Amino acid sequence: MKSPLKLAALALAGALLAAPAFAALKEGTQAPDFTAPAYLAGKPFTFHLSDALKKGPVVVYFFPAAHTSGCNLEAHLFSQAIDKFRALHATVIGVTAGNTDQLADFSRETEHCSGKFPVAADTGAKIAREYDALLTMRPGWSDRTSYVIAPSGKIAHVYSDLKPNRHVQETLDAVRTLEK
């Protein structure tokens, strides 16, 4: 039989791994600027956050890896809502450090992005590190954390949860708040 102390330590470790990550970048702080190789409908280009902010707010959503179940669902949900973001002059960009070699296909597939918004490769997780969006369970991969960045470059909203279901609604509501 295991000692109660060992069982408590195992339970605590399990709870910490299961708990959602909390992004260190807080609302009101300046978002780190970045440039990254990206794909839109399978076509490569270079994404510049500073250029996107000139057009309006930017939703930067980090996801663990292309072609994984939660990330497929999240991309599909953003794809379904993209017209609502565009109506608010918001740009959506998915960023991942996982399976970056698969992003061209991921960006055009109808069950994922449908070619409606770009996804960027974060090779070496440099951008995720700057945004404190690293997956603790899988070092080198992005966590599932979404940021809404105001045109001023300030972080307006942060949402971090490994479950993909609420990221779209959280960020859409935050973008709507910026419009008021």
Protein backbone atom coordinates (compact mmCIF):
# COMPACT_ATOMS: atom_id res chain seq x y z
CA MET A 1 0.00 0.00 0.00
CA LYS A 2 1.31 3.46 -0.88
CA SER A 3 1.81 6.01 1.83
CA PRO A 4 -0.76 8.83 2.13
CA LEU A 5 2.02 11.37 1.47
CA LYS A 6 2.94 9.70 -1.85
CA LEU A 7 -0.73 9.50 -2.87
CA ALA A 8 -1.23 13.18 -2.05
CA ALA A 9 1.87 14.13 -4.09
CA LEU A 10 0.63 12.09 -7.05
CA ALA A 11 -2.83 13.66 -6.81
CA LEU A 12 -1.34 17.16 -6.70
CA ALA A 13 0.90 16.47 -9.70
CA GLY A 14 -2.07 15.12 -11.65
CA ALA A 15 -4.19 18.15 -10.77
CA LEU A 16 -1.45 20.53 -11.90
CA LEU A 17 -1.10 18.75 -15.24
CA ALA A 18 -4.86 18.71 -15.78
CA ALA A 19 -5.35 22.35 -14.81
CA PRO A 20 -5.54 24.91 -17.58
CA ALA A 21 -2.50 27.09 -18.05
CA PHE A 22 -2.83 30.71 -17.09
CA ALA A 23 -1.15 33.12 -19.45
CA ALA A 24 1.29 35.45 -17.77
CA LEU A 25 0.66 38.30 -20.19
CA LYS A 26 -2.03 40.42 -18.62
CA GLU A 27 -4.66 42.66 -20.11
CA GLY A 28 -3.31 46.15 -20.69
CA THR A 29 0.28 45.07 -21.35
CA GLN A 30 1.96 45.61 -24.71
CA ALA A 31 1.73 42.51 -26.92
CA PRO A 32 5.06 41.30 -28.25
CA ASP A 33 5.32 42.08 -31.95
CA PHE A 34 6.13 39.13 -34.18
CA THR A 35 6.63 38.10 -37.77
CA ALA A 36 6.09 34.46 -38.77
CA PRO A 37 5.81 32.24 -41.83
CA ALA A 38 2.11 31.58 -42.39
CA TYR A 39 -0.37 29.96 -44.75
CA LEU A 40 -3.75 31.07 -46.01
CA ALA A 41 -5.66 28.56 -48.14
CA GLY A 42 -2.40 26.66 -48.59
CA LYS A 43 -0.49 29.66 -49.92
CA PRO A 44 2.60 30.78 -47.99
CA PHE A 45 3.15 34.38 -46.89
CA THR A 46 4.76 36.22 -44.01
CA PHE A 47 2.44 37.43 -41.25
CA HIS A 48 3.39 40.67 -39.50
CA LEU A 49 1.41 41.46 -36.35
CA SER A 50 2.19 45.17 -36.66
CA ASP A 51 0.67 45.28 -40.17
CA ALA A 52 -2.46 43.43 -39.06
CA LEU A 53 -2.98 45.84 -36.14
CA LYS A 54 -3.14 48.76 -38.60
CA LYS A 55 -6.42 47.25 -39.88
CA GLY A 56 -8.03 46.66 -36.47
CA PRO A 57 -7.91 44.26 -33.53
CA VAL A 58 -6.11 40.95 -33.90
CA VAL A 59 -7.06 37.62 -32.36
CA VAL A 60 -3.91 35.54 -31.89
CA TYR A 61 -4.92 32.07 -30.87
CA PHE A 62 -2.24 29.56 -29.96
CA PHE A 63 -3.02 25.89 -30.51
CA PRO A 64 -0.93 22.79 -29.78
CA ALA A 65 -0.67 21.15 -33.22
CA ALA A 66 -2.32 20.90 -36.62
CA HIS A 67 -4.32 17.76 -37.33
CA THR A 68 -5.11 16.93 -33.71
CA SER A 69 -8.70 16.56 -32.55
CA GLY A 70 -9.02 19.66 -30.32
CA CYS A 71 -7.10 21.85 -32.75
CA ASN A 72 -9.18 20.64 -35.68
CA LEU A 73 -12.34 21.56 -33.78
CA GLU A 74 -11.02 24.98 -32.72
CA ALA A 75 -9.94 25.85 -36.27
CA HIS A 76 -13.35 24.76 -37.57
CA LEU A 77 -15.13 26.93 -34.99
CA PHE A 78 -13.00 29.98 -35.90
CA SER A 79 -13.70 29.26 -39.58
CA GLN A 80 -17.45 29.22 -38.94
CA ALA A 81 -17.27 32.56 -37.08
CA ILE A 82 -14.79 34.36 -39.34
CA ASP A 83 -17.42 36.60 -40.97
CA LYS A 84 -18.41 37.89 -37.52
CA PHE A 85 -14.78 38.79 -36.79
CA ARG A 86 -14.40 40.45 -40.19
CA ALA A 87 -17.54 42.53 -39.61
CA LEU A 88 -15.73 43.94 -36.57
CA HIS A 89 -12.57 44.58 -38.66
CA ALA A 90 -10.69 41.92 -36.68
CA THR A 91 -7.96 39.67 -38.02
CA VAL A 92 -7.73 36.08 -36.75
CA ILE A 93 -4.43 34.18 -36.84
CA GLY A 94 -3.76 30.73 -35.43
CA VAL A 95 -0.21 30.12 -34.23
CA THR A 96 1.34 26.74 -33.43
CA ALA A 97 4.70 25.22 -32.65
CA GLY A 98 3.41 21.68 -33.29
CA ASN A 99 3.23 19.90 -36.67
CA THR A 100 4.34 23.07 -38.47
CA ASP A 101 5.16 21.03 -41.57
CA GLN A 102 1.42 20.33 -41.95
CA LEU A 103 0.14 23.93 -41.82
CA ALA A 104 -0.24 24.45 -45.58
CA ASP A 105 -2.72 21.56 -45.79
CA PHE A 106 -4.33 22.45 -42.47
CA SER A 107 -5.00 26.01 -43.69
CA ARG A 108 -6.95 24.91 -46.75
CA GLU A 109 -8.84 21.82 -45.57
CA THR A 110 -12.59 22.38 -45.38
CA GLU A 111 -12.96 20.57 -42.05
CA HIS A 112 -10.41 22.94 -40.47
CA CYS A 113 -9.59 26.51 -41.55
CA SER A 114 -11.33 26.26 -44.93
CA GLY A 115 -8.90 28.84 -46.28
CA LYS A 116 -10.74 31.56 -44.33
CA PHE A 117 -7.97 32.66 -41.94
CA PRO A 118 -4.21 32.13 -41.73
CA VAL A 119 -2.18 29.88 -39.49
CA ALA A 120 1.43 30.63 -38.62
CA ALA A 121 4.37 28.37 -37.88
CA ASP A 122 6.11 29.03 -34.58
CA THR A 123 9.20 26.92 -35.11
CA GLY A 124 11.02 26.48 -31.82
CA ALA A 125 8.01 27.96 -29.94
CA LYS A 126 9.66 31.40 -29.84
CA ILE A 127 6.39 33.32 -30.19
CA ALA A 128 4.57 31.07 -27.72
CA ARG A 129 7.38 31.66 -25.24
CA GLU A 130 7.06 35.46 -25.60
CA TYR A 131 3.31 35.14 -25.01
CA ASP A 132 3.72 32.62 -22.19
CA ALA A 133 1.65 30.16 -24.18
CA LEU A 134 3.73 26.99 -23.86
CA LEU A 135 2.14 23.63 -23.22
CA THR A 136 3.60 22.32 -19.97
CA MET A 137 2.65 18.71 -20.75
CA ARG A 138 4.49 18.76 -24.08
CA PRO A 139 7.52 21.08 -24.05
CA GLY A 140 8.09 22.86 -27.35
CA TRP A 141 4.40 22.93 -28.26
CA SER A 142 1.97 25.80 -27.92
CA ASP A 143 -0.71 25.84 -25.27
CA ARG A 144 -4.32 26.62 -26.17
CA THR A 145 -4.34 30.32 -25.27
CA SER A 146 -6.15 33.11 -27.11
CA TYR A 147 -5.30 36.79 -27.03
CA VAL A 148 -7.28 39.73 -28.33
CA ILE A 149 -4.93 42.57 -29.15
CA ALA A 150 -6.33 46.08 -29.57
CA PRO A 151 -5.12 48.21 -32.52
CA SER A 152 -2.92 50.08 -29.99
CA GLY A 153 -0.95 46.85 -29.50
CA LYS A 154 -2.23 46.38 -25.95
CA ILE A 155 -3.63 43.05 -24.85
CA ALA A 156 -7.37 43.50 -24.41
CA HIS A 157 -8.34 39.94 -23.44
CA VAL A 158 -6.70 36.62 -22.56
CA TYR A 159 -8.36 33.22 -22.44
CA SER A 160 -6.48 30.01 -21.71
CA ASP A 161 -8.13 26.59 -21.62
CA LEU A 162 -7.11 23.32 -23.24
CA LYS A 163 -10.75 22.72 -24.15
CA PRO A 164 -11.27 24.37 -27.56
CA ASN A 165 -15.01 25.05 -27.30
CA ARG A 166 -15.08 28.55 -25.73
CA HIS A 167 -12.14 30.28 -27.44
CA VAL A 168 -14.18 31.64 -30.33
CA GLN A 169 -16.97 33.05 -28.17
CA GLU A 170 -14.51 34.49 -25.63
CA THR A 171 -12.50 36.31 -28.29
CA LEU A 172 -15.53 37.42 -30.30
CA ASP A 173 -17.11 38.92 -27.19
CA ALA A 174 -13.84 40.71 -26.38
CA VAL A 175 -13.58 42.14 -29.90
CA ARG A 176 -17.18 43.36 -29.64
CA THR A 177 -16.30 45.11 -26.37
CA LEU A 178 -13.49 46.97 -28.17
CA GLU A 179 -16.03 48.32 -30.66
CA LYS A 180 -18.06 50.05 -27.92
